[in-house]
N, C-alpha and C. Protein backbone atom coordinates (compact mmCIF):
# COMPACT_ATOMS: atom_id res chain seq x y z
N MET A 1 -24.81 1.55 2.79
CA MET A 1 -23.81 2.39 3.48
C MET A 1 -24.44 2.92 4.77
N ARG A 2 -24.12 2.29 5.91
CA ARG A 2 -24.76 2.64 7.16
C ARG A 2 -23.71 3.06 8.18
N TYR A 3 -23.02 4.16 7.91
CA TYR A 3 -22.00 4.67 8.82
C TYR A 3 -22.63 5.67 9.79
N LYS A 4 -22.33 5.48 11.06
CA LYS A 4 -22.89 6.36 12.09
C LYS A 4 -22.08 7.64 12.23
N VAL A 5 -20.81 7.59 11.80
CA VAL A 5 -19.90 8.71 11.98
C VAL A 5 -19.33 9.11 10.62
N LEU A 6 -19.39 10.41 10.32
CA LEU A 6 -18.85 10.93 9.06
C LEU A 6 -17.80 11.98 9.37
N LEU A 7 -16.59 11.76 8.87
CA LEU A 7 -15.49 12.72 9.00
C LEU A 7 -15.35 13.46 7.67
N PHE A 8 -15.48 14.77 7.70
CA PHE A 8 -15.38 15.58 6.49
C PHE A 8 -14.08 16.35 6.48
N ASP A 9 -13.34 16.22 5.39
CA ASP A 9 -12.24 17.14 5.12
C ASP A 9 -12.84 18.53 4.94
N LEU A 10 -12.02 19.56 5.10
CA LEU A 10 -12.52 20.94 4.96
C LEU A 10 -12.26 21.49 3.57
N ASP A 11 -11.01 21.77 3.24
CA ASP A 11 -10.66 22.39 1.96
C ASP A 11 -10.94 21.44 0.80
N GLY A 12 -11.75 21.88 -0.14
CA GLY A 12 -12.05 21.07 -1.31
C GLY A 12 -13.15 20.05 -1.10
N THR A 13 -13.69 20.00 0.12
CA THR A 13 -14.76 19.06 0.42
C THR A 13 -15.98 19.79 0.96
N LEU A 14 -15.79 20.56 2.05
CA LEU A 14 -16.88 21.39 2.56
C LEU A 14 -16.89 22.76 1.90
N THR A 15 -15.71 23.30 1.68
CA THR A 15 -15.59 24.64 1.10
C THR A 15 -14.56 24.67 -0.02
N ASP A 16 -14.68 25.69 -0.87
CA ASP A 16 -13.71 25.92 -1.93
C ASP A 16 -12.79 27.06 -1.49
N PRO A 17 -11.57 26.75 -1.07
CA PRO A 17 -10.66 27.74 -0.51
C PRO A 17 -9.67 28.31 -1.52
N ARG A 18 -9.93 28.10 -2.81
CA ARG A 18 -8.93 28.39 -3.83
C ARG A 18 -8.32 29.78 -3.70
N VAL A 19 -9.17 30.80 -3.64
CA VAL A 19 -8.67 32.18 -3.65
C VAL A 19 -7.79 32.44 -2.44
N GLY A 20 -8.28 32.08 -1.25
CA GLY A 20 -7.52 32.37 -0.05
C GLY A 20 -6.19 31.65 0.02
N ILE A 21 -6.20 30.36 -0.25
CA ILE A 21 -4.96 29.58 -0.14
C ILE A 21 -3.94 30.01 -1.18
N THR A 22 -4.36 30.14 -2.42
CA THR A 22 -3.38 30.47 -3.47
C THR A 22 -2.82 31.88 -3.29
N ARG A 23 -3.64 32.81 -2.85
CA ARG A 23 -3.13 34.16 -2.62
C ARG A 23 -2.15 34.19 -1.46
N CYS A 24 -2.41 33.38 -0.44
CA CYS A 24 -1.50 33.34 0.70
C CYS A 24 -0.20 32.65 0.34
N VAL A 25 -0.27 31.61 -0.47
CA VAL A 25 0.96 30.96 -0.95
C VAL A 25 1.75 31.93 -1.83
N GLN A 26 1.05 32.64 -2.70
CA GLN A 26 1.69 33.64 -3.55
C GLN A 26 2.43 34.68 -2.70
N TYR A 27 1.78 35.12 -1.64
CA TYR A 27 2.38 36.10 -0.72
C TYR A 27 3.62 35.52 -0.05
N ALA A 28 3.52 34.29 0.44
CA ALA A 28 4.65 33.66 1.13
C ALA A 28 5.83 33.45 0.19
N LEU A 29 5.55 33.02 -1.03
CA LEU A 29 6.62 32.82 -2.00
C LEU A 29 7.30 34.14 -2.34
N ALA A 30 6.50 35.20 -2.49
CA ALA A 30 7.07 36.51 -2.80
C ALA A 30 8.01 36.97 -1.70
N ARG A 31 7.66 36.66 -0.46
CA ARG A 31 8.52 37.02 0.67
C ARG A 31 9.86 36.28 0.62
N GLN A 32 9.84 35.14 -0.09
CA GLN A 32 11.06 34.34 -0.26
C GLN A 32 11.75 34.66 -1.60
N GLY A 33 11.24 35.66 -2.31
CA GLY A 33 11.85 36.06 -3.57
C GLY A 33 11.39 35.28 -4.78
N VAL A 34 10.29 34.55 -4.64
CA VAL A 34 9.75 33.76 -5.76
C VAL A 34 8.45 34.40 -6.21
N GLN A 35 8.40 34.86 -7.45
CA GLN A 35 7.22 35.53 -7.97
C GLN A 35 6.39 34.57 -8.81
N VAL A 36 5.13 34.38 -8.44
CA VAL A 36 4.21 33.53 -9.20
C VAL A 36 2.96 34.34 -9.47
N ASP A 37 2.69 34.63 -10.74
CA ASP A 37 1.54 35.46 -11.09
C ASP A 37 0.28 34.64 -11.37
N ASP A 38 0.44 33.42 -11.83
CA ASP A 38 -0.70 32.58 -12.18
C ASP A 38 -1.12 31.75 -10.96
N LEU A 39 -2.22 32.12 -10.33
CA LEU A 39 -2.67 31.44 -9.12
C LEU A 39 -3.02 29.97 -9.37
N ALA A 40 -3.38 29.63 -10.60
CA ALA A 40 -3.72 28.25 -10.92
C ALA A 40 -2.52 27.32 -10.65
N ARG A 41 -1.32 27.85 -10.80
CA ARG A 41 -0.12 27.04 -10.55
C ARG A 41 0.04 26.68 -9.08
N LEU A 42 -0.69 27.36 -8.21
CA LEU A 42 -0.55 27.15 -6.77
C LEU A 42 -1.68 26.31 -6.19
N GLU A 43 -2.56 25.81 -7.03
CA GLU A 43 -3.66 24.98 -6.52
C GLU A 43 -3.16 23.66 -5.95
N CYS A 44 -1.95 23.28 -6.30
CA CYS A 44 -1.38 22.03 -5.75
C CYS A 44 -1.19 22.13 -4.24
N PHE A 45 -1.23 23.33 -3.69
CA PHE A 45 -1.08 23.51 -2.24
C PHE A 45 -2.38 23.24 -1.49
N ILE A 46 -3.48 23.09 -2.20
CA ILE A 46 -4.77 22.88 -1.54
C ILE A 46 -4.90 21.41 -1.16
N GLY A 47 -4.85 21.13 0.12
CA GLY A 47 -5.02 19.76 0.60
C GLY A 47 -3.83 19.22 1.37
N PRO A 48 -2.63 19.15 0.76
CA PRO A 48 -1.49 18.55 1.47
C PRO A 48 -1.01 19.43 2.62
N PRO A 49 -0.23 18.86 3.55
CA PRO A 49 0.39 19.67 4.60
C PRO A 49 1.22 20.80 3.99
N LEU A 50 1.08 21.98 4.56
CA LEU A 50 1.64 23.19 3.94
C LEU A 50 3.17 23.20 3.90
N LYS A 51 3.79 22.91 5.02
CA LYS A 51 5.26 22.97 5.06
C LYS A 51 5.87 22.02 4.04
N GLN A 52 5.35 20.80 4.00
CA GLN A 52 5.87 19.82 3.05
C GLN A 52 5.66 20.26 1.61
N SER A 53 4.55 20.97 1.37
CA SER A 53 4.27 21.44 0.01
C SER A 53 5.29 22.46 -0.45
N PHE A 54 5.72 23.36 0.43
CA PHE A 54 6.76 24.32 0.05
C PHE A 54 8.07 23.59 -0.29
N MET A 55 8.33 22.50 0.40
CA MET A 55 9.53 21.73 0.13
C MET A 55 9.39 20.93 -1.17
N ASP A 56 8.23 20.32 -1.35
CA ASP A 56 8.03 19.46 -2.53
C ASP A 56 7.93 20.25 -3.82
N PHE A 57 7.17 21.35 -3.79
CA PHE A 57 6.87 22.07 -5.03
C PHE A 57 7.85 23.18 -5.37
N TYR A 58 8.56 23.71 -4.35
CA TYR A 58 9.49 24.81 -4.63
C TYR A 58 10.89 24.56 -4.08
N GLY A 59 11.15 23.36 -3.60
CA GLY A 59 12.50 22.98 -3.22
C GLY A 59 13.07 23.68 -2.01
N PHE A 60 12.21 24.21 -1.13
CA PHE A 60 12.69 24.88 0.07
C PHE A 60 13.28 23.84 1.03
N ASP A 61 14.31 24.24 1.78
CA ASP A 61 14.80 23.38 2.84
C ASP A 61 13.90 23.57 4.06
N GLU A 62 14.20 22.84 5.14
CA GLU A 62 13.35 22.88 6.34
C GLU A 62 13.17 24.30 6.86
N ALA A 63 14.26 25.04 6.96
CA ALA A 63 14.19 26.40 7.51
C ALA A 63 13.41 27.32 6.59
N GLY A 64 13.66 27.22 5.29
CA GLY A 64 12.94 28.07 4.34
C GLY A 64 11.46 27.76 4.31
N ALA A 65 11.12 26.47 4.39
CA ALA A 65 9.71 26.08 4.39
C ALA A 65 9.01 26.57 5.65
N ALA A 66 9.70 26.47 6.78
CA ALA A 66 9.11 26.94 8.04
C ALA A 66 8.86 28.44 7.98
N GLN A 67 9.80 29.19 7.40
CA GLN A 67 9.60 30.63 7.27
C GLN A 67 8.45 30.94 6.31
N ALA A 68 8.35 30.17 5.23
CA ALA A 68 7.25 30.37 4.28
C ALA A 68 5.90 30.12 4.94
N VAL A 69 5.83 29.11 5.80
CA VAL A 69 4.58 28.84 6.53
C VAL A 69 4.24 30.02 7.43
N ASP A 70 5.24 30.57 8.12
CA ASP A 70 4.99 31.73 8.98
C ASP A 70 4.48 32.91 8.17
N ASP A 71 5.09 33.15 7.00
CA ASP A 71 4.66 34.25 6.14
C ASP A 71 3.24 34.01 5.62
N TYR A 72 2.97 32.77 5.23
CA TYR A 72 1.63 32.38 4.77
C TYR A 72 0.59 32.71 5.83
N ARG A 73 0.89 32.37 7.08
CA ARG A 73 -0.08 32.56 8.15
C ARG A 73 -0.34 34.02 8.47
N VAL A 74 0.61 34.88 8.17
CA VAL A 74 0.38 36.32 8.38
C VAL A 74 -0.81 36.77 7.55
N ARG A 75 -0.79 36.43 6.26
CA ARG A 75 -1.89 36.85 5.39
C ARG A 75 -3.14 36.00 5.61
N PHE A 76 -2.94 34.70 5.89
CA PHE A 76 -4.08 33.81 6.06
C PHE A 76 -4.92 34.21 7.27
N GLY A 77 -4.28 34.52 8.37
CA GLY A 77 -5.00 34.91 9.57
C GLY A 77 -5.71 36.23 9.43
N ARG A 78 -5.21 37.10 8.55
CA ARG A 78 -5.82 38.41 8.35
C ARG A 78 -6.94 38.37 7.32
N ASP A 79 -6.70 37.73 6.20
CA ASP A 79 -7.65 37.75 5.09
C ASP A 79 -7.96 36.38 4.50
N GLY A 80 -6.94 35.56 4.32
CA GLY A 80 -7.05 34.38 3.49
C GLY A 80 -8.08 33.36 3.92
N MET A 81 -8.24 33.15 5.23
CA MET A 81 -9.15 32.09 5.65
C MET A 81 -10.61 32.42 5.35
N PHE A 82 -10.90 33.69 5.10
CA PHE A 82 -12.27 34.09 4.78
C PHE A 82 -12.50 34.28 3.28
N GLU A 83 -11.42 34.14 2.49
CA GLU A 83 -11.54 34.16 1.03
C GLU A 83 -11.88 32.73 0.58
N ASN A 84 -13.10 32.34 0.84
CA ASN A 84 -13.50 30.94 0.84
C ASN A 84 -14.99 30.90 0.53
N VAL A 85 -15.47 29.81 -0.03
CA VAL A 85 -16.88 29.69 -0.40
C VAL A 85 -17.38 28.30 -0.01
N VAL A 86 -18.52 28.24 0.68
CA VAL A 86 -19.13 26.95 0.98
C VAL A 86 -19.75 26.41 -0.30
N TYR A 87 -19.49 25.15 -0.61
CA TYR A 87 -20.05 24.56 -1.83
C TYR A 87 -21.58 24.61 -1.79
N ASP A 88 -22.15 24.96 -2.92
CA ASP A 88 -23.60 25.07 -3.04
C ASP A 88 -24.26 23.73 -2.73
N GLY A 89 -25.19 23.74 -1.80
CA GLY A 89 -25.89 22.52 -1.41
C GLY A 89 -25.30 21.84 -0.19
N MET A 90 -24.14 22.29 0.28
CA MET A 90 -23.49 21.63 1.41
C MET A 90 -24.28 21.80 2.70
N ARG A 91 -24.78 22.99 2.96
CA ARG A 91 -25.54 23.20 4.20
C ARG A 91 -26.76 22.29 4.25
N GLU A 92 -27.44 22.14 3.13
CA GLU A 92 -28.62 21.28 3.09
C GLU A 92 -28.25 19.82 3.36
N LEU A 93 -27.14 19.38 2.79
CA LEU A 93 -26.68 18.02 3.03
C LEU A 93 -26.36 17.80 4.50
N LEU A 94 -25.59 18.71 5.09
CA LEU A 94 -25.20 18.57 6.49
C LEU A 94 -26.42 18.55 7.40
N ALA A 95 -27.39 19.39 7.09
CA ALA A 95 -28.61 19.44 7.91
C ALA A 95 -29.35 18.11 7.87
N GLU A 96 -29.45 17.53 6.68
CA GLU A 96 -30.15 16.25 6.56
C GLU A 96 -29.39 15.12 7.26
N LEU A 97 -28.09 15.14 7.15
CA LEU A 97 -27.29 14.12 7.82
C LEU A 97 -27.40 14.24 9.33
N GLN A 98 -27.41 15.46 9.81
CA GLN A 98 -27.56 15.68 11.25
C GLN A 98 -28.93 15.18 11.73
N ARG A 99 -29.96 15.48 10.96
CA ARG A 99 -31.30 15.03 11.34
C ARG A 99 -31.42 13.51 11.32
N SER A 100 -30.60 12.86 10.52
CA SER A 100 -30.65 11.39 10.44
C SER A 100 -29.99 10.72 11.63
N GLY A 101 -29.36 11.51 12.50
CA GLY A 101 -28.75 10.96 13.70
C GLY A 101 -27.28 10.66 13.61
N ARG A 102 -26.65 10.97 12.47
CA ARG A 102 -25.22 10.75 12.36
C ARG A 102 -24.43 11.74 13.22
N GLN A 103 -23.22 11.32 13.56
CA GLN A 103 -22.27 12.22 14.19
C GLN A 103 -21.34 12.75 13.10
N LEU A 104 -21.22 14.05 13.00
CA LEU A 104 -20.40 14.69 11.97
C LEU A 104 -19.22 15.39 12.62
N PHE A 105 -18.04 15.20 12.02
CA PHE A 105 -16.82 15.85 12.49
C PHE A 105 -16.07 16.43 11.30
N VAL A 106 -15.36 17.53 11.52
CA VAL A 106 -14.41 18.03 10.52
C VAL A 106 -13.05 17.44 10.85
N ALA A 107 -12.38 16.92 9.83
CA ALA A 107 -11.04 16.33 9.98
C ALA A 107 -10.14 16.94 8.91
N THR A 108 -9.38 17.96 9.27
CA THR A 108 -8.58 18.69 8.30
C THR A 108 -7.12 18.77 8.73
N SER A 109 -6.22 18.75 7.75
CA SER A 109 -4.80 18.94 8.05
C SER A 109 -4.49 20.38 8.42
N LYS A 110 -5.41 21.28 8.13
CA LYS A 110 -5.24 22.68 8.52
C LYS A 110 -5.23 22.79 10.05
N PRO A 111 -4.46 23.69 10.62
CA PRO A 111 -4.50 23.85 12.08
C PRO A 111 -5.93 24.12 12.58
N TRP A 112 -6.28 23.45 13.67
CA TRP A 112 -7.64 23.62 14.20
C TRP A 112 -7.91 25.07 14.57
N PHE A 113 -6.87 25.82 14.94
CA PHE A 113 -7.02 27.23 15.30
C PHE A 113 -7.69 28.02 14.17
N TYR A 114 -7.33 27.71 12.93
CA TYR A 114 -7.95 28.36 11.78
C TYR A 114 -9.23 27.65 11.36
N ALA A 115 -9.21 26.32 11.37
CA ALA A 115 -10.36 25.55 10.89
C ALA A 115 -11.62 25.89 11.67
N ARG A 116 -11.51 26.01 12.99
CA ARG A 116 -12.70 26.32 13.79
C ARG A 116 -13.24 27.70 13.49
N GLN A 117 -12.35 28.65 13.22
CA GLN A 117 -12.80 29.99 12.85
C GLN A 117 -13.53 29.97 11.51
N ILE A 118 -13.00 29.21 10.56
CA ILE A 118 -13.62 29.13 9.23
C ILE A 118 -15.00 28.50 9.33
N VAL A 119 -15.08 27.37 10.01
CA VAL A 119 -16.36 26.66 10.15
C VAL A 119 -17.39 27.56 10.83
N SER A 120 -16.96 28.28 11.85
CA SER A 120 -17.86 29.19 12.56
C SER A 120 -18.26 30.37 11.68
N HIS A 121 -17.29 30.96 10.99
CA HIS A 121 -17.55 32.13 10.14
C HIS A 121 -18.61 31.84 9.09
N PHE A 122 -18.58 30.64 8.52
CA PHE A 122 -19.53 30.29 7.47
C PHE A 122 -20.79 29.59 8.00
N GLY A 123 -20.95 29.60 9.32
CA GLY A 123 -22.17 29.09 9.92
C GLY A 123 -22.35 27.59 9.82
N LEU A 124 -21.24 26.85 9.75
CA LEU A 124 -21.34 25.40 9.64
C LEU A 124 -21.19 24.70 10.99
N ASP A 125 -20.74 25.41 12.01
CA ASP A 125 -20.47 24.76 13.29
C ASP A 125 -21.66 24.06 13.94
N PRO A 126 -22.93 24.53 13.74
CA PRO A 126 -24.03 23.79 14.39
C PRO A 126 -24.18 22.36 13.89
N PHE A 127 -23.62 22.04 12.74
CA PHE A 127 -23.78 20.70 12.17
C PHE A 127 -22.77 19.70 12.71
N PHE A 128 -21.68 20.19 13.32
CA PHE A 128 -20.58 19.31 13.68
C PHE A 128 -20.44 19.14 15.19
N CYS A 129 -20.13 17.91 15.57
CA CYS A 129 -19.85 17.63 16.99
C CYS A 129 -18.57 18.33 17.42
N SER A 130 -17.58 18.35 16.53
CA SER A 130 -16.32 19.01 16.83
C SER A 130 -15.54 19.20 15.53
N VAL A 131 -14.58 20.11 15.58
CA VAL A 131 -13.70 20.38 14.45
C VAL A 131 -12.28 20.03 14.86
N TYR A 132 -11.69 19.06 14.16
CA TYR A 132 -10.33 18.61 14.47
C TYR A 132 -9.38 19.03 13.35
N GLY A 133 -8.17 19.41 13.76
CA GLY A 133 -7.13 19.76 12.80
C GLY A 133 -5.77 19.53 13.42
N SER A 134 -4.75 20.00 12.74
CA SER A 134 -3.39 19.86 13.25
C SER A 134 -3.11 20.94 14.27
N GLU A 135 -1.94 20.84 14.91
CA GLU A 135 -1.46 21.89 15.80
C GLU A 135 -0.59 22.86 14.99
N LEU A 136 -0.41 24.06 15.50
CA LEU A 136 0.39 25.06 14.79
C LEU A 136 1.85 24.62 14.65
N ASP A 137 2.30 23.73 15.52
CA ASP A 137 3.69 23.25 15.42
C ASP A 137 3.86 22.12 14.43
N GLY A 138 2.77 21.74 13.74
CA GLY A 138 2.86 20.69 12.72
C GLY A 138 2.40 19.33 13.18
N THR A 139 2.10 19.17 14.47
CA THR A 139 1.61 17.89 14.98
C THR A 139 0.28 17.54 14.32
N ARG A 140 0.15 16.32 13.87
CA ARG A 140 -1.06 15.77 13.26
C ARG A 140 -1.40 16.41 11.90
N THR A 141 -0.40 16.91 11.18
CA THR A 141 -0.69 17.37 9.82
C THR A 141 -0.93 16.18 8.89
N GLU A 142 -0.33 15.02 9.22
CA GLU A 142 -0.56 13.81 8.43
C GLU A 142 -1.94 13.27 8.74
N LYS A 143 -2.71 12.95 7.71
CA LYS A 143 -4.11 12.57 7.90
C LYS A 143 -4.26 11.29 8.72
N HIS A 144 -3.34 10.35 8.57
CA HIS A 144 -3.48 9.12 9.34
C HIS A 144 -3.37 9.39 10.84
N ALA A 145 -2.47 10.32 11.23
CA ALA A 145 -2.32 10.68 12.64
C ALA A 145 -3.55 11.42 13.15
N LEU A 146 -4.11 12.28 12.31
CA LEU A 146 -5.29 13.04 12.70
C LEU A 146 -6.49 12.13 12.91
N ILE A 147 -6.72 11.22 11.98
CA ILE A 147 -7.87 10.32 12.10
C ILE A 147 -7.72 9.42 13.32
N ALA A 148 -6.52 8.93 13.56
CA ALA A 148 -6.27 8.11 14.75
C ALA A 148 -6.59 8.90 16.01
N HIS A 149 -6.21 10.16 16.03
CA HIS A 149 -6.46 11.04 17.18
C HIS A 149 -7.97 11.21 17.40
N ILE A 150 -8.71 11.42 16.33
CA ILE A 150 -10.16 11.61 16.44
C ILE A 150 -10.82 10.34 16.98
N LEU A 151 -10.43 9.19 16.45
CA LEU A 151 -11.00 7.93 16.91
C LEU A 151 -10.76 7.72 18.40
N ARG A 152 -9.55 8.07 18.86
CA ARG A 152 -9.23 7.91 20.29
C ARG A 152 -10.01 8.91 21.14
N GLU A 153 -9.97 10.17 20.73
CA GLU A 153 -10.59 11.22 21.54
C GLU A 153 -12.10 11.04 21.67
N GLU A 154 -12.74 10.64 20.59
CA GLU A 154 -14.20 10.52 20.58
C GLU A 154 -14.68 9.10 20.87
N LYS A 155 -13.71 8.19 21.06
CA LYS A 155 -14.04 6.78 21.33
C LYS A 155 -14.96 6.22 20.24
N LEU A 156 -14.53 6.39 19.00
CA LEU A 156 -15.29 5.96 17.83
C LEU A 156 -14.78 4.62 17.32
N ALA A 157 -15.68 3.81 16.83
CA ALA A 157 -15.30 2.55 16.19
C ALA A 157 -14.97 2.81 14.73
N ALA A 158 -13.82 2.32 14.29
CA ALA A 158 -13.42 2.52 12.90
C ALA A 158 -14.46 1.96 11.94
N SER A 159 -15.08 0.85 12.30
CA SER A 159 -16.06 0.22 11.42
C SER A 159 -17.33 1.04 11.25
N ASP A 160 -17.56 1.99 12.15
CA ASP A 160 -18.75 2.86 12.08
C ASP A 160 -18.47 4.16 11.34
N THR A 161 -17.22 4.35 10.88
CA THR A 161 -16.75 5.67 10.44
C THR A 161 -16.42 5.70 8.96
N LEU A 162 -16.78 6.82 8.33
CA LEU A 162 -16.47 7.07 6.92
C LEU A 162 -15.75 8.40 6.82
N MET A 163 -14.57 8.40 6.19
CA MET A 163 -13.81 9.62 5.92
C MET A 163 -14.13 10.10 4.52
N ILE A 164 -14.50 11.37 4.39
CA ILE A 164 -14.88 11.95 3.10
C ILE A 164 -13.92 13.07 2.75
N GLY A 165 -13.24 12.97 1.61
CA GLY A 165 -12.29 14.01 1.24
C GLY A 165 -12.01 14.03 -0.25
N ASP A 166 -11.24 15.03 -0.66
CA ASP A 166 -11.00 15.24 -2.09
C ASP A 166 -9.57 14.96 -2.53
N ARG A 167 -8.72 14.48 -1.61
CA ARG A 167 -7.33 14.21 -1.98
C ARG A 167 -6.93 12.81 -1.54
N SER A 168 -5.87 12.31 -2.13
CA SER A 168 -5.41 10.96 -1.82
C SER A 168 -5.04 10.82 -0.34
N PHE A 169 -4.56 11.92 0.26
CA PHE A 169 -4.15 11.89 1.66
C PHE A 169 -5.31 11.48 2.57
N ASP A 170 -6.51 11.90 2.22
CA ASP A 170 -7.69 11.55 3.01
C ASP A 170 -7.94 10.04 2.96
N LEU A 171 -7.79 9.48 1.79
CA LEU A 171 -8.06 8.05 1.60
C LEU A 171 -6.97 7.19 2.23
N VAL A 172 -5.73 7.62 2.08
CA VAL A 172 -4.61 6.88 2.69
C VAL A 172 -4.74 6.91 4.21
N GLY A 173 -5.07 8.08 4.75
CA GLY A 173 -5.22 8.21 6.19
C GLY A 173 -6.35 7.35 6.73
N ALA A 174 -7.44 7.29 5.98
CA ALA A 174 -8.56 6.45 6.39
C ALA A 174 -8.16 4.98 6.39
N ARG A 175 -7.57 4.53 5.30
CA ARG A 175 -7.18 3.12 5.18
C ARG A 175 -6.20 2.71 6.28
N HIS A 176 -5.28 3.61 6.62
CA HIS A 176 -4.29 3.33 7.66
C HIS A 176 -4.96 3.02 8.99
N ASN A 177 -6.16 3.59 9.20
CA ASN A 177 -6.87 3.42 10.47
C ASN A 177 -8.04 2.44 10.39
N GLY A 178 -8.15 1.73 9.28
CA GLY A 178 -9.25 0.79 9.13
C GLY A 178 -10.60 1.46 8.95
N VAL A 179 -10.57 2.70 8.47
CA VAL A 179 -11.78 3.49 8.25
C VAL A 179 -12.11 3.48 6.75
N ALA A 180 -13.38 3.38 6.41
CA ALA A 180 -13.77 3.46 5.00
C ALA A 180 -13.51 4.87 4.47
N GLY A 181 -13.22 4.94 3.16
CA GLY A 181 -12.91 6.23 2.55
C GLY A 181 -13.81 6.54 1.37
N ALA A 182 -14.30 7.76 1.32
CA ALA A 182 -15.10 8.23 0.20
C ALA A 182 -14.40 9.41 -0.44
N ALA A 183 -14.24 9.37 -1.75
CA ALA A 183 -13.60 10.45 -2.50
C ALA A 183 -14.66 11.31 -3.18
N VAL A 184 -14.45 12.63 -3.14
CA VAL A 184 -15.35 13.53 -3.85
C VAL A 184 -14.63 14.07 -5.08
N GLY A 185 -15.33 14.08 -6.20
CA GLY A 185 -14.71 14.48 -7.46
C GLY A 185 -14.82 15.94 -7.80
N TYR A 186 -15.44 16.73 -6.93
CA TYR A 186 -15.64 18.15 -7.23
C TYR A 186 -14.57 19.04 -6.60
N GLY A 187 -13.63 18.42 -5.86
CA GLY A 187 -12.61 19.20 -5.18
C GLY A 187 -11.35 19.35 -6.00
N TYR A 188 -10.18 19.17 -5.36
CA TYR A 188 -8.91 19.49 -6.01
C TYR A 188 -8.06 18.26 -6.35
N GLY A 189 -8.52 17.08 -5.98
CA GLY A 189 -7.81 15.88 -6.40
C GLY A 189 -8.38 15.40 -7.73
N SER A 190 -7.51 15.02 -8.65
CA SER A 190 -8.00 14.51 -9.93
C SER A 190 -8.64 13.15 -9.73
N GLU A 191 -9.48 12.74 -10.68
CA GLU A 191 -10.10 11.43 -10.58
C GLU A 191 -9.03 10.34 -10.58
N ALA A 192 -7.99 10.53 -11.38
CA ALA A 192 -6.92 9.54 -11.43
C ALA A 192 -6.23 9.41 -10.07
N GLU A 193 -5.95 10.53 -9.43
CA GLU A 193 -5.33 10.51 -8.10
C GLU A 193 -6.20 9.75 -7.11
N LEU A 194 -7.49 10.02 -7.14
CA LEU A 194 -8.42 9.42 -6.18
C LEU A 194 -8.66 7.94 -6.47
N ARG A 195 -8.88 7.61 -7.74
CA ARG A 195 -9.13 6.22 -8.11
C ARG A 195 -7.92 5.34 -7.80
N ALA A 196 -6.72 5.92 -7.87
CA ALA A 196 -5.50 5.15 -7.60
C ALA A 196 -5.46 4.62 -6.17
N GLU A 197 -6.21 5.27 -5.27
CA GLU A 197 -6.24 4.84 -3.88
C GLU A 197 -7.41 3.90 -3.59
N SER A 198 -8.12 3.49 -4.62
CA SER A 198 -9.23 2.53 -4.49
C SER A 198 -10.21 2.91 -3.37
N PRO A 199 -10.83 4.08 -3.48
CA PRO A 199 -11.78 4.49 -2.44
C PRO A 199 -12.96 3.52 -2.36
N ASP A 200 -13.53 3.41 -1.18
CA ASP A 200 -14.71 2.57 -1.02
C ASP A 200 -15.90 3.16 -1.78
N TYR A 201 -15.91 4.48 -1.88
CA TYR A 201 -16.98 5.19 -2.60
C TYR A 201 -16.36 6.35 -3.36
N PHE A 202 -16.94 6.66 -4.50
CA PHE A 202 -16.52 7.82 -5.28
C PHE A 202 -17.76 8.63 -5.62
N PHE A 203 -17.79 9.88 -5.17
CA PHE A 203 -18.90 10.78 -5.43
C PHE A 203 -18.43 11.85 -6.42
N PRO A 204 -18.79 11.73 -7.69
CA PRO A 204 -18.30 12.71 -8.67
C PRO A 204 -18.82 14.12 -8.43
N THR A 205 -20.00 14.24 -7.85
CA THR A 205 -20.58 15.55 -7.58
C THR A 205 -21.15 15.57 -6.17
N LEU A 206 -21.40 16.78 -5.68
CA LEU A 206 -22.02 16.91 -4.37
C LEU A 206 -23.43 16.34 -4.39
N GLN A 207 -24.11 16.48 -5.50
CA GLN A 207 -25.47 15.95 -5.61
C GLN A 207 -25.48 14.42 -5.45
N VAL A 208 -24.52 13.75 -6.08
CA VAL A 208 -24.44 12.30 -5.95
C VAL A 208 -24.13 11.92 -4.50
N MET A 209 -23.23 12.65 -3.86
CA MET A 209 -22.94 12.39 -2.46
C MET A 209 -24.19 12.56 -1.60
N HIS A 210 -24.92 13.63 -1.85
CA HIS A 210 -26.16 13.90 -1.11
C HIS A 210 -27.14 12.74 -1.28
N GLU A 211 -27.37 12.36 -2.51
CA GLU A 211 -28.34 11.30 -2.78
C GLU A 211 -27.93 9.97 -2.12
N THR A 212 -26.64 9.68 -2.15
CA THR A 212 -26.17 8.40 -1.60
C THR A 212 -26.20 8.39 -0.08
N LEU A 213 -25.70 9.44 0.54
CA LEU A 213 -25.64 9.47 2.00
C LEU A 213 -27.02 9.61 2.63
N VAL A 214 -27.86 10.43 2.06
CA VAL A 214 -29.17 10.66 2.64
C VAL A 214 -30.07 9.44 2.43
N ALA A 215 -29.90 8.76 1.32
CA ALA A 215 -30.72 7.57 1.04
C ALA A 215 -30.38 6.44 1.99
N CYS A 216 -29.16 6.44 2.51
CA CYS A 216 -28.71 5.35 3.39
C CYS A 216 -28.59 5.88 4.80
N ARG A 217 -29.70 5.94 5.49
CA ARG A 217 -29.71 6.52 6.83
C ARG A 217 -29.12 5.55 7.83
N ALA A 218 -28.48 6.14 8.84
CA ALA A 218 -27.87 5.32 9.88
C ALA A 218 -28.94 4.62 10.71
C-alpha cells in the first residue's frame, strides 16, 4: 500500500463526535416538537449529510429539514462541535504519516466552517495540508462531489490517493472518483455496512490501521 495522499473523514474516523452530534440533533428535533431521550437512537446522524438525515430518519419535508439544520447549528456552533474526543493514538499515527512524507487532508461532509475549527481546537491542524468540507448551503455534502473537488483543487492523482472513513458514503465517494477506499471498524458504520461496499482495505481497529499504514511508507 504505497499511497502518497491520504484523505481522512472527520467524524468517526479522526474523532468521536457522539456526544456533540446527538445532543445537537436532540435539540433540533425538540425545536420541531419531537422529543428523543435516548441519544443512542440518534447515532444514525453521525456521518451522513445532516439535512438528508432529518428527512430520512424523521420524515421531515425539505422546509422542515432545513429548519432543523438551522436549529442544529445554533447549538453546534456554541457547544456541540467541542463535545468531541480525538481517538486515542490518532495524533501519533498522524505524526508518523506526516514524517513519512505523505500528504494528509481532511475530507468531511461537515461544513468546512466547523471542520476547520474542530481540527484546530484539538490541535490536529499541523498534520494536515488542508481541511475540506461542504459549504453551509449544502454544496458538496455528497462525498463523491467533495472528493472530486479535492482532487481538482490540489491537483492530485486518484491512483495516488486513499480515502479513509467509517461509513459507506466514504467508500462510495472514493469509488466514484477512482480512489481506493479504506474502512475503519471503530467508528459508526457497522462491519456489514462497510463490507457491503467492498473496501480495498478494512481496518478493524486504529492499531491495525497504524501498523498497516506506517509499515507501508510512501
